[in-house]
Amino acid sequence: MNKINESIEVRKDAGEILILLFETLNKENKILNFKEILKITRWSENKINETIKFLLHTKMIDENYNFKAMGMIIVAKENMFKGVFIIEYNPTKKFKFSWELE
């Protein structure tokens, strides 16, 4: 059985990926795939794999990167989002992704 990495770094990265998936779905009515996430973030495949494993384990998304109920709930609740992902997210404000700051 594969152990899930729940480090602070992976949790923050997973939060960013969840925001990316959410905002893309809302703005473009599109579900990103692994290759699109890789291209947008410019992260390593391993880093993205770790974040996706965490999101699957916590039941935020399914294997096709569709949102599950928990993912939709947590994105809408700032205090819950910060509790899980350590980063702040307010869906009504522009989020600065780490890959945009590089």
C-alpha atoms as a PDB file:
ATOM      1  CA  MET A   1       0.000   0.000   0.000  1.00  0.00           C
ATOM      2  CA  ASN A   2       1.324   3.429  -0.966  1.00  0.00           C
ATOM      3  CA  LYS A   3       1.825   5.799   1.924  1.00  0.00           C
ATOM      4  CA  ILE A   4       0.297   9.231   1.405  1.00  0.00           C
ATOM      5  CA  ASN A   5       2.654  12.143   1.949  1.00  0.00           C
ATOM      6  CA  GLU A   6       0.828  14.589   4.225  1.00  0.00           C
ATOM      7  CA  SER A   7       3.690  17.037   4.730  1.00  0.00           C
ATOM      8  CA  ILE A   8       2.972  20.747   4.913  1.00  0.00           C
ATOM      9  CA  GLU A   9       4.592  21.231   1.504  1.00  0.00           C
ATOM     10  CA  VAL A  10       2.387  18.585  -0.153  1.00  0.00           C
ATOM     11  CA  ARG A  11      -0.712  19.984   1.553  1.00  0.00           C
ATOM     12  CA  LYS A  12       0.064  23.506   0.291  1.00  0.00           C
ATOM     13  CA  ASP A  13       0.771  22.191  -3.223  1.00  0.00           C
ATOM     14  CA  ALA A  14      -2.439  20.139  -3.166  1.00  0.00           C
ATOM     15  CA  GLY A  15      -4.345  23.247  -2.156  1.00  0.00           C
ATOM     16  CA  GLU A  16      -2.952  25.116  -5.129  1.00  0.00           C
ATOM     17  CA  ILE A  17      -3.869  22.292  -7.506  1.00  0.00           C
ATOM     18  CA  LEU A  18      -7.382  22.129  -6.047  1.00  0.00           C
ATOM     19  CA  ILE A  19      -7.753  25.900  -6.582  1.00  0.00           C
ATOM     20  CA  LEU A  20      -6.434  25.549 -10.144  1.00  0.00           C
ATOM     21  CA  LEU A  21      -8.941  22.772 -10.877  1.00  0.00           C
ATOM     22  CA  PHE A  22     -11.773  24.743  -9.274  1.00  0.00           C
ATOM     23  CA  GLU A  23     -11.023  28.009 -11.052  1.00  0.00           C
ATOM     24  CA  THR A  24     -10.563  26.303 -14.430  1.00  0.00           C
ATOM     25  CA  LEU A  25     -13.851  24.472 -13.995  1.00  0.00           C
ATOM     26  CA  ASN A  26     -15.671  27.694 -13.034  1.00  0.00           C
ATOM     27  CA  LYS A  27     -14.115  29.982 -15.643  1.00  0.00           C
ATOM     28  CA  GLU A  28     -13.708  27.616 -18.597  1.00  0.00           C
ATOM     29  CA  ASN A  29     -16.112  24.786 -17.713  1.00  0.00           C
ATOM     30  CA  LYS A  30     -13.151  22.455 -18.233  1.00  0.00           C
ATOM     31  CA  ILE A  31     -11.505  19.693 -16.219  1.00  0.00           C
ATOM     32  CA  LEU A  32      -7.724  19.729 -16.515  1.00  0.00           C
ATOM     33  CA  ASN A  33      -5.738  16.541 -17.022  1.00  0.00           C
ATOM     34  CA  PHE A  34      -2.297  15.631 -15.700  1.00  0.00           C
ATOM     35  CA  LYS A  35      -0.396  16.936 -18.746  1.00  0.00           C
ATOM     36  CA  GLU A  36      -2.209  20.272 -18.617  1.00  0.00           C
ATOM     37  CA  ILE A  37      -1.427  20.638 -14.906  1.00  0.00           C
ATOM     38  CA  LEU A  38       2.207  19.786 -15.641  1.00  0.00           C
ATOM     39  CA  LYS A  39       2.376  22.433 -18.376  1.00  0.00           C
ATOM     40  CA  ILE A  40       0.663  25.149 -16.306  1.00  0.00           C
ATOM     41  CA  THR A  41       2.606  24.617 -13.088  1.00  0.00           C
ATOM     42  CA  ARG A  42       5.973  23.587 -14.571  1.00  0.00           C
ATOM     43  CA  TRP A  43       6.310  21.316 -11.522  1.00  0.00           C
ATOM     44  CA  SER A  44       7.948  17.898 -11.669  1.00  0.00           C
ATOM     45  CA  GLU A  45       5.769  14.879 -12.403  1.00  0.00           C
ATOM     46  CA  ASN A  46       6.614  13.520  -8.958  1.00  0.00           C
ATOM     47  CA  LYS A  47       5.462  16.707  -7.213  1.00  0.00           C
ATOM     48  CA  ILE A  48       2.158  16.663  -9.089  1.00  0.00           C
ATOM     49  CA  ASN A  49       1.699  12.946  -8.398  1.00  0.00           C
ATOM     50  CA  GLU A  50       2.151  13.545  -4.663  1.00  0.00           C
ATOM     51  CA  THR A  51      -0.444  16.327  -4.667  1.00  0.00           C
ATOM     52  CA  ILE A  52      -2.946  14.286  -6.694  1.00  0.00           C
ATOM     53  CA  LYS A  53      -2.482  11.306  -4.340  1.00  0.00           C
ATOM     54  CA  PHE A  54      -3.247  13.600  -1.417  1.00  0.00           C
ATOM     55  CA  LEU A  55      -6.373  15.018  -3.121  1.00  0.00           C
ATOM     56  CA  LEU A  56      -7.596  11.503  -3.948  1.00  0.00           C
ATOM     57  CA  HIS A  57      -6.878  10.264  -0.424  1.00  0.00           C
ATOM     58  CA  THR A  58      -8.783  13.154   1.140  1.00  0.00           C
ATOM     59  CA  LYS A  59     -11.667  12.613  -1.302  1.00  0.00           C
ATOM     60  CA  MET A  60     -11.452  16.094  -2.822  1.00  0.00           C
ATOM     61  CA  ILE A  61     -11.338  14.761  -6.389  1.00  0.00           C
ATOM     62  CA  ASP A  62     -11.817  11.466  -8.209  1.00  0.00           C
ATOM     63  CA  GLU A  63      -9.393   9.657 -10.535  1.00  0.00           C
ATOM     64  CA  ASN A  64     -10.530  11.841 -13.479  1.00  0.00           C
ATOM     65  CA  TYR A  65      -9.912  15.053 -11.487  1.00  0.00           C
ATOM     66  CA  ASN A  66     -13.641  15.721 -11.100  1.00  0.00           C
ATOM     67  CA  PHE A  67     -14.621  17.368  -7.847  1.00  0.00           C
ATOM     68  CA  LYS A  68     -16.202  15.194  -5.204  1.00  0.00           C
ATOM     69  CA  ALA A  69     -18.608  16.656  -2.647  1.00  0.00           C
ATOM     70  CA  MET A  70     -15.847  17.249  -0.064  1.00  0.00           C
ATOM     71  CA  GLY A  71     -13.761  19.174  -2.594  1.00  0.00           C
ATOM     72  CA  MET A  72     -16.632  21.506  -3.423  1.00  0.00           C
ATOM     73  CA  ILE A  73     -17.472  22.055   0.241  1.00  0.00           C
ATOM     74  CA  ILE A  74     -13.920  22.817   1.304  1.00  0.00           C
ATOM     75  CA  VAL A  75     -13.241  25.256  -1.550  1.00  0.00           C
ATOM     76  CA  ALA A  76     -16.269  27.283  -0.456  1.00  0.00           C
ATOM     77  CA  LYS A  77     -15.274  27.429   3.224  1.00  0.00           C
ATOM     78  CA  GLU A  78     -12.165  29.536   3.821  1.00  0.00           C
ATOM     79  CA  ASN A  79     -11.502  28.323   7.375  1.00  0.00           C
ATOM     80  CA  MET A  80     -11.822  24.641   6.400  1.00  0.00           C
ATOM     81  CA  PHE A  81      -9.609  25.152   3.353  1.00  0.00           C
ATOM     82  CA  LYS A  82      -6.849  26.744   5.421  1.00  0.00           C
ATOM     83  CA  GLY A  83      -7.146  23.985   8.027  1.00  0.00           C
ATOM     84  CA  VAL A  84      -6.459  21.269   5.457  1.00  0.00           C
ATOM     85  CA  PHE A  85      -4.151  23.020   3.002  1.00  0.00           C
ATOM     86  CA  ILE A  86      -2.388  25.587   5.233  1.00  0.00           C
ATOM     87  CA  ILE A  87      -2.929  28.314   2.609  1.00  0.00           C
ATOM     88  CA  GLU A  88      -5.696  30.890   2.420  1.00  0.00           C
ATOM     89  CA  TYR A  89      -8.193  30.897  -0.415  1.00  0.00           C
ATOM     90  CA  ASN A  90     -11.138  33.170  -0.990  1.00  0.00           C
ATOM     91  CA  PRO A  91     -13.038  32.304  -4.190  1.00  0.00           C
ATOM     92  CA  THR A  92     -14.068  35.953  -4.600  1.00  0.00           C
ATOM     93  CA  LYS A  93     -10.460  37.208  -4.766  1.00  0.00           C
ATOM     94  CA  LYS A  94      -7.648  36.602  -7.252  1.00  0.00           C
ATOM     95  CA  PHE A  95      -5.337  33.844  -6.039  1.00  0.00           C
ATOM     96  CA  LYS A  96      -1.595  34.139  -6.679  1.00  0.00           C
ATOM     97  CA  PHE A  97      -0.243  30.727  -7.627  1.00  0.00           C
ATOM     98  CA  SER A  98       3.352  29.939  -6.653  1.00  0.00           C
ATOM     99  CA  TRP A  99       4.271  29.215 -10.271  1.00  0.00           C
ATOM    100  CA  GLU A 100       3.151  32.741 -11.234  1.00  0.00           C
ATOM    101  CA  LEU A 101       5.583  34.211  -8.716  1.00  0.00           C
ATOM    102  CA  GLU A 102       8.645  32.393 -10.075  1.00  0.00           C
END
